[in-house]
Amino acid sequence: MLAGSGLERQFLDEVTMMRVAGRAIPVLSPENLIVTKLLAARPKDLDDVRELLAMRSLDHAHIDELLRLLEEALDQRDLRRLYRRLRDER
C-alpha cells in the first residue's frame, strides 16, 4: 500500500475492529482512510474524501503530517495541496 514509508504498520496498528454480519472487520480511522484515498487519487477516491470531510470531525493536523511524510517518502509534492483544495471546497 505505502511501500517504503513505514506508515503501513502505523495504519494497521490503528485499525478498529467492527462487527459486520457476525464477522470482525478491520476498519481504518477516517484520517488514515483519507490519506490512502488521496494517495490513490482516482475520481471515486476523491469523492469519498469529500464525503468524509463533510460528515466528520477530523484531526486535520494528523492528516497533514501523514501526507507530509508520504510526500517525503515518495518524492511527491502534491498530496497536501490536493487535501487543502478538497477541504476548501466544503
N, C-alpha and C. Protein backbone atom coordinates (compact mmCIF):
# COMPACT_ATOMS: atom_id res chain seq x y z
N MET A 1 0.83 -1.19 0.00
CA MET A 1 0.00 0.00 0.00
C MET A 1 0.87 1.25 0.00
N LEU A 2 1.73 1.42 0.99
CA LEU A 2 2.54 2.63 1.10
C LEU A 2 4.02 2.25 1.14
N ALA A 3 4.43 1.45 0.20
CA ALA A 3 5.76 0.84 0.19
C ALA A 3 6.85 1.81 0.60
N GLY A 4 7.62 1.39 1.57
CA GLY A 4 8.79 2.14 1.97
C GLY A 4 8.53 3.28 2.93
N SER A 5 7.30 3.63 3.17
CA SER A 5 7.02 4.79 4.02
C SER A 5 7.00 4.46 5.50
N GLY A 6 6.80 3.19 5.85
CA GLY A 6 6.67 2.82 7.26
C GLY A 6 5.29 3.10 7.83
N LEU A 7 4.42 3.71 7.05
CA LEU A 7 3.09 4.04 7.56
C LEU A 7 2.16 2.83 7.55
N GLU A 8 2.51 1.80 6.79
CA GLU A 8 1.63 0.62 6.75
C GLU A 8 1.41 0.06 8.14
N ARG A 9 2.49 -0.09 8.90
CA ARG A 9 2.41 -0.66 10.25
C ARG A 9 1.58 0.26 11.15
N GLN A 10 1.80 1.55 11.05
CA GLN A 10 1.04 2.51 11.85
C GLN A 10 -0.45 2.39 11.54
N PHE A 11 -0.80 2.33 10.27
CA PHE A 11 -2.20 2.22 9.89
C PHE A 11 -2.81 0.92 10.42
N LEU A 12 -2.06 -0.18 10.31
CA LEU A 12 -2.57 -1.45 10.81
C LEU A 12 -2.71 -1.44 12.33
N ASP A 13 -1.78 -0.79 13.02
CA ASP A 13 -1.86 -0.70 14.47
C ASP A 13 -3.05 0.12 14.93
N GLU A 14 -3.53 1.02 14.09
CA GLU A 14 -4.61 1.93 14.47
C GLU A 14 -5.99 1.49 13.99
N VAL A 15 -6.11 0.31 13.38
CA VAL A 15 -7.43 -0.12 12.92
C VAL A 15 -8.33 -0.40 14.11
N THR A 16 -9.61 -0.26 13.86
CA THR A 16 -10.64 -0.62 14.83
C THR A 16 -11.37 -1.82 14.27
N MET A 17 -11.59 -2.81 15.11
CA MET A 17 -12.32 -3.98 14.66
C MET A 17 -13.82 -3.71 14.86
N MET A 18 -14.58 -3.89 13.78
CA MET A 18 -16.03 -3.70 13.83
C MET A 18 -16.69 -5.00 13.42
N ARG A 19 -17.81 -5.28 14.05
CA ARG A 19 -18.55 -6.49 13.71
C ARG A 19 -19.58 -6.15 12.64
N VAL A 20 -19.50 -6.88 11.53
CA VAL A 20 -20.43 -6.71 10.42
C VAL A 20 -20.91 -8.10 10.03
N ALA A 21 -22.20 -8.31 10.11
CA ALA A 21 -22.80 -9.61 9.76
C ALA A 21 -22.09 -10.75 10.49
N GLY A 22 -21.78 -10.51 11.77
CA GLY A 22 -21.18 -11.56 12.58
C GLY A 22 -19.68 -11.75 12.38
N ARG A 23 -19.05 -10.93 11.58
CA ARG A 23 -17.61 -11.05 11.34
C ARG A 23 -16.88 -9.81 11.84
N ALA A 24 -15.68 -10.01 12.33
CA ALA A 24 -14.84 -8.89 12.74
C ALA A 24 -14.10 -8.37 11.52
N ILE A 25 -14.29 -7.10 11.23
CA ILE A 25 -13.70 -6.46 10.05
C ILE A 25 -12.78 -5.33 10.52
N PRO A 26 -11.52 -5.31 10.06
CA PRO A 26 -10.65 -4.19 10.43
C PRO A 26 -11.03 -2.94 9.63
N VAL A 27 -11.15 -1.80 10.32
CA VAL A 27 -11.56 -0.55 9.70
C VAL A 27 -10.51 0.53 10.00
N LEU A 28 -10.04 1.18 8.96
CA LEU A 28 -9.08 2.28 9.13
C LEU A 28 -9.76 3.47 9.81
N SER A 29 -8.97 4.25 10.50
CA SER A 29 -9.51 5.51 11.04
C SER A 29 -9.89 6.39 9.85
N PRO A 30 -10.82 7.32 10.05
CA PRO A 30 -11.19 8.21 8.94
C PRO A 30 -9.98 8.98 8.40
N GLU A 31 -9.09 9.40 9.29
CA GLU A 31 -7.90 10.15 8.86
C GLU A 31 -7.00 9.28 7.97
N ASN A 32 -6.77 8.05 8.40
CA ASN A 32 -5.92 7.16 7.60
C ASN A 32 -6.59 6.78 6.28
N LEU A 33 -7.89 6.62 6.31
CA LEU A 33 -8.62 6.32 5.08
C LEU A 33 -8.50 7.48 4.09
N ILE A 34 -8.62 8.70 4.59
CA ILE A 34 -8.46 9.86 3.72
C ILE A 34 -7.08 9.87 3.08
N VAL A 35 -6.05 9.58 3.87
CA VAL A 35 -4.69 9.58 3.33
C VAL A 35 -4.55 8.53 2.23
N THR A 36 -5.07 7.33 2.43
CA THR A 36 -4.95 6.30 1.39
C THR A 36 -5.72 6.68 0.13
N LYS A 37 -6.86 7.31 0.32
CA LYS A 37 -7.66 7.72 -0.84
C LYS A 37 -7.01 8.88 -1.59
N LEU A 38 -6.36 9.79 -0.88
CA LEU A 38 -5.64 10.87 -1.56
C LEU A 38 -4.45 10.32 -2.33
N LEU A 39 -3.82 9.30 -1.79
CA LEU A 39 -2.69 8.69 -2.48
C LEU A 39 -3.15 8.02 -3.78
N ALA A 40 -4.30 7.36 -3.76
CA ALA A 40 -4.84 6.73 -4.97
C ALA A 40 -5.33 7.79 -5.95
N ALA A 41 -6.04 8.78 -5.44
CA ALA A 41 -6.50 9.97 -6.19
C ALA A 41 -7.34 9.67 -7.44
N ARG A 42 -8.04 8.53 -7.44
CA ARG A 42 -8.99 8.29 -8.52
C ARG A 42 -10.22 9.14 -8.26
N PRO A 43 -11.01 9.44 -9.27
CA PRO A 43 -12.19 10.27 -9.06
C PRO A 43 -13.09 9.77 -7.93
N LYS A 44 -13.34 8.47 -7.84
CA LYS A 44 -14.18 7.92 -6.77
C LYS A 44 -13.52 8.13 -5.41
N ASP A 45 -12.19 7.97 -5.34
CA ASP A 45 -11.49 8.19 -4.07
C ASP A 45 -11.63 9.64 -3.62
N LEU A 46 -11.50 10.56 -4.55
CA LEU A 46 -11.63 11.98 -4.20
C LEU A 46 -13.06 12.32 -3.78
N ASP A 47 -14.05 11.68 -4.41
CA ASP A 47 -15.44 11.85 -3.97
C ASP A 47 -15.61 11.32 -2.55
N ASP A 48 -14.98 10.18 -2.25
CA ASP A 48 -15.05 9.62 -0.90
C ASP A 48 -14.43 10.59 0.12
N VAL A 49 -13.30 11.19 -0.23
CA VAL A 49 -12.66 12.16 0.66
C VAL A 49 -13.60 13.33 0.91
N ARG A 50 -14.23 13.82 -0.13
CA ARG A 50 -15.19 14.93 0.03
C ARG A 50 -16.30 14.55 1.02
N GLU A 51 -16.82 13.33 0.89
CA GLU A 51 -17.88 12.87 1.78
C GLU A 51 -17.39 12.77 3.22
N LEU A 52 -16.20 12.23 3.41
CA LEU A 52 -15.63 12.12 4.76
C LEU A 52 -15.41 13.50 5.36
N LEU A 53 -14.94 14.43 4.57
CA LEU A 53 -14.72 15.79 5.06
C LEU A 53 -16.04 16.45 5.46
N ALA A 54 -17.10 16.15 4.75
CA ALA A 54 -18.40 16.76 5.03
C ALA A 54 -19.07 16.17 6.27
N MET A 55 -18.79 14.92 6.59
CA MET A 55 -19.53 14.23 7.64
C MET A 55 -18.84 14.15 8.98
N ARG A 56 -17.55 14.40 9.03
CA ARG A 56 -16.81 14.05 10.23
C ARG A 56 -16.04 15.20 10.84
N SER A 57 -15.82 15.06 12.13
CA SER A 57 -14.85 15.91 12.82
C SER A 57 -13.52 15.16 12.72
N LEU A 58 -12.55 15.75 12.08
CA LEU A 58 -11.30 15.06 11.78
C LEU A 58 -10.11 15.77 12.41
N ASP A 59 -9.04 15.00 12.60
CA ASP A 59 -7.78 15.56 13.06
C ASP A 59 -6.98 15.99 11.83
N HIS A 60 -7.23 17.21 11.39
CA HIS A 60 -6.61 17.71 10.16
C HIS A 60 -5.10 17.83 10.29
N ALA A 61 -4.61 18.15 11.45
CA ALA A 61 -3.16 18.23 11.65
C ALA A 61 -2.51 16.86 11.46
N HIS A 62 -3.18 15.81 11.93
CA HIS A 62 -2.66 14.45 11.77
C HIS A 62 -2.63 14.07 10.29
N ILE A 63 -3.70 14.37 9.58
CA ILE A 63 -3.75 14.08 8.15
C ILE A 63 -2.64 14.82 7.42
N ASP A 64 -2.47 16.08 7.73
CA ASP A 64 -1.42 16.89 7.08
C ASP A 64 -0.03 16.31 7.34
N GLU A 65 0.21 15.86 8.57
CA GLU A 65 1.51 15.28 8.90
C GLU A 65 1.73 13.96 8.15
N LEU A 66 0.72 13.12 8.08
CA LEU A 66 0.85 11.87 7.33
C LEU A 66 1.13 12.14 5.86
N LEU A 67 0.44 13.13 5.31
CA LEU A 67 0.67 13.47 3.90
C LEU A 67 2.07 14.04 3.69
N ARG A 68 2.56 14.81 4.65
CA ARG A 68 3.92 15.33 4.56
C ARG A 68 4.93 14.19 4.54
N LEU A 69 4.73 13.21 5.41
CA LEU A 69 5.63 12.05 5.45
C LEU A 69 5.59 11.27 4.13
N LEU A 70 4.41 11.12 3.58
CA LEU A 70 4.29 10.43 2.30
C LEU A 70 4.96 11.21 1.17
N GLU A 71 4.76 12.50 1.17
CA GLU A 71 5.40 13.32 0.13
C GLU A 71 6.92 13.16 0.19
N GLU A 72 7.47 13.13 1.40
CA GLU A 72 8.91 12.92 1.54
C GLU A 72 9.31 11.54 1.05
N ALA A 73 8.59 10.52 1.49
CA ALA A 73 8.95 9.13 1.16
C ALA A 73 8.83 8.87 -0.34
N LEU A 74 7.86 9.50 -0.98
CA LEU A 74 7.59 9.23 -2.39
C LEU A 74 8.15 10.31 -3.32
N ASP A 75 8.83 11.29 -2.74
CA ASP A 75 9.34 12.44 -3.50
C ASP A 75 8.23 13.03 -4.36
N GLN A 76 7.14 13.31 -3.69
CA GLN A 76 5.93 13.83 -4.32
C GLN A 76 5.53 15.09 -3.57
N ARG A 77 5.00 16.09 -4.25
CA ARG A 77 4.72 17.35 -3.58
C ARG A 77 3.29 17.84 -3.76
N ASP A 78 2.37 16.97 -4.12
CA ASP A 78 1.03 17.45 -4.41
C ASP A 78 -0.06 16.93 -3.47
N LEU A 79 0.28 16.06 -2.54
CA LEU A 79 -0.75 15.45 -1.70
C LEU A 79 -1.39 16.45 -0.73
N ARG A 80 -0.57 17.24 -0.06
CA ARG A 80 -1.13 18.23 0.87
C ARG A 80 -1.89 19.32 0.13
N ARG A 81 -1.40 19.70 -1.03
CA ARG A 81 -2.11 20.71 -1.84
C ARG A 81 -3.48 20.19 -2.24
N LEU A 82 -3.56 18.93 -2.68
CA LEU A 82 -4.84 18.32 -3.05
C LEU A 82 -5.77 18.27 -1.84
N TYR A 83 -5.26 17.88 -0.70
CA TYR A 83 -6.07 17.80 0.52
C TYR A 83 -6.64 19.18 0.88
N ARG A 84 -5.80 20.19 0.84
CA ARG A 84 -6.26 21.55 1.17
C ARG A 84 -7.32 22.03 0.18
N ARG A 85 -7.13 21.69 -1.09
CA ARG A 85 -8.13 22.09 -2.09
C ARG A 85 -9.48 21.45 -1.80
N LEU A 86 -9.46 20.15 -1.47
CA LEU A 86 -10.72 19.45 -1.16
C LEU A 86 -11.35 20.00 0.11
N ARG A 87 -10.53 20.34 1.10
CA ARG A 87 -11.07 20.94 2.33
C ARG A 87 -11.71 22.28 2.05
N ASP A 88 -11.09 23.06 1.18
CA ASP A 88 -11.60 24.40 0.87
C ASP A 88 -12.90 24.36 0.07
N GLU A 89 -13.16 23.25 -0.60
CA GLU A 89 -14.40 23.10 -1.38
C GLU A 89 -15.63 23.04 -0.47
N ARG A 90 -15.46 22.66 0.76
CA ARG A 90 -16.59 22.48 1.68
C ARG A 90 -17.31 23.74 1.95
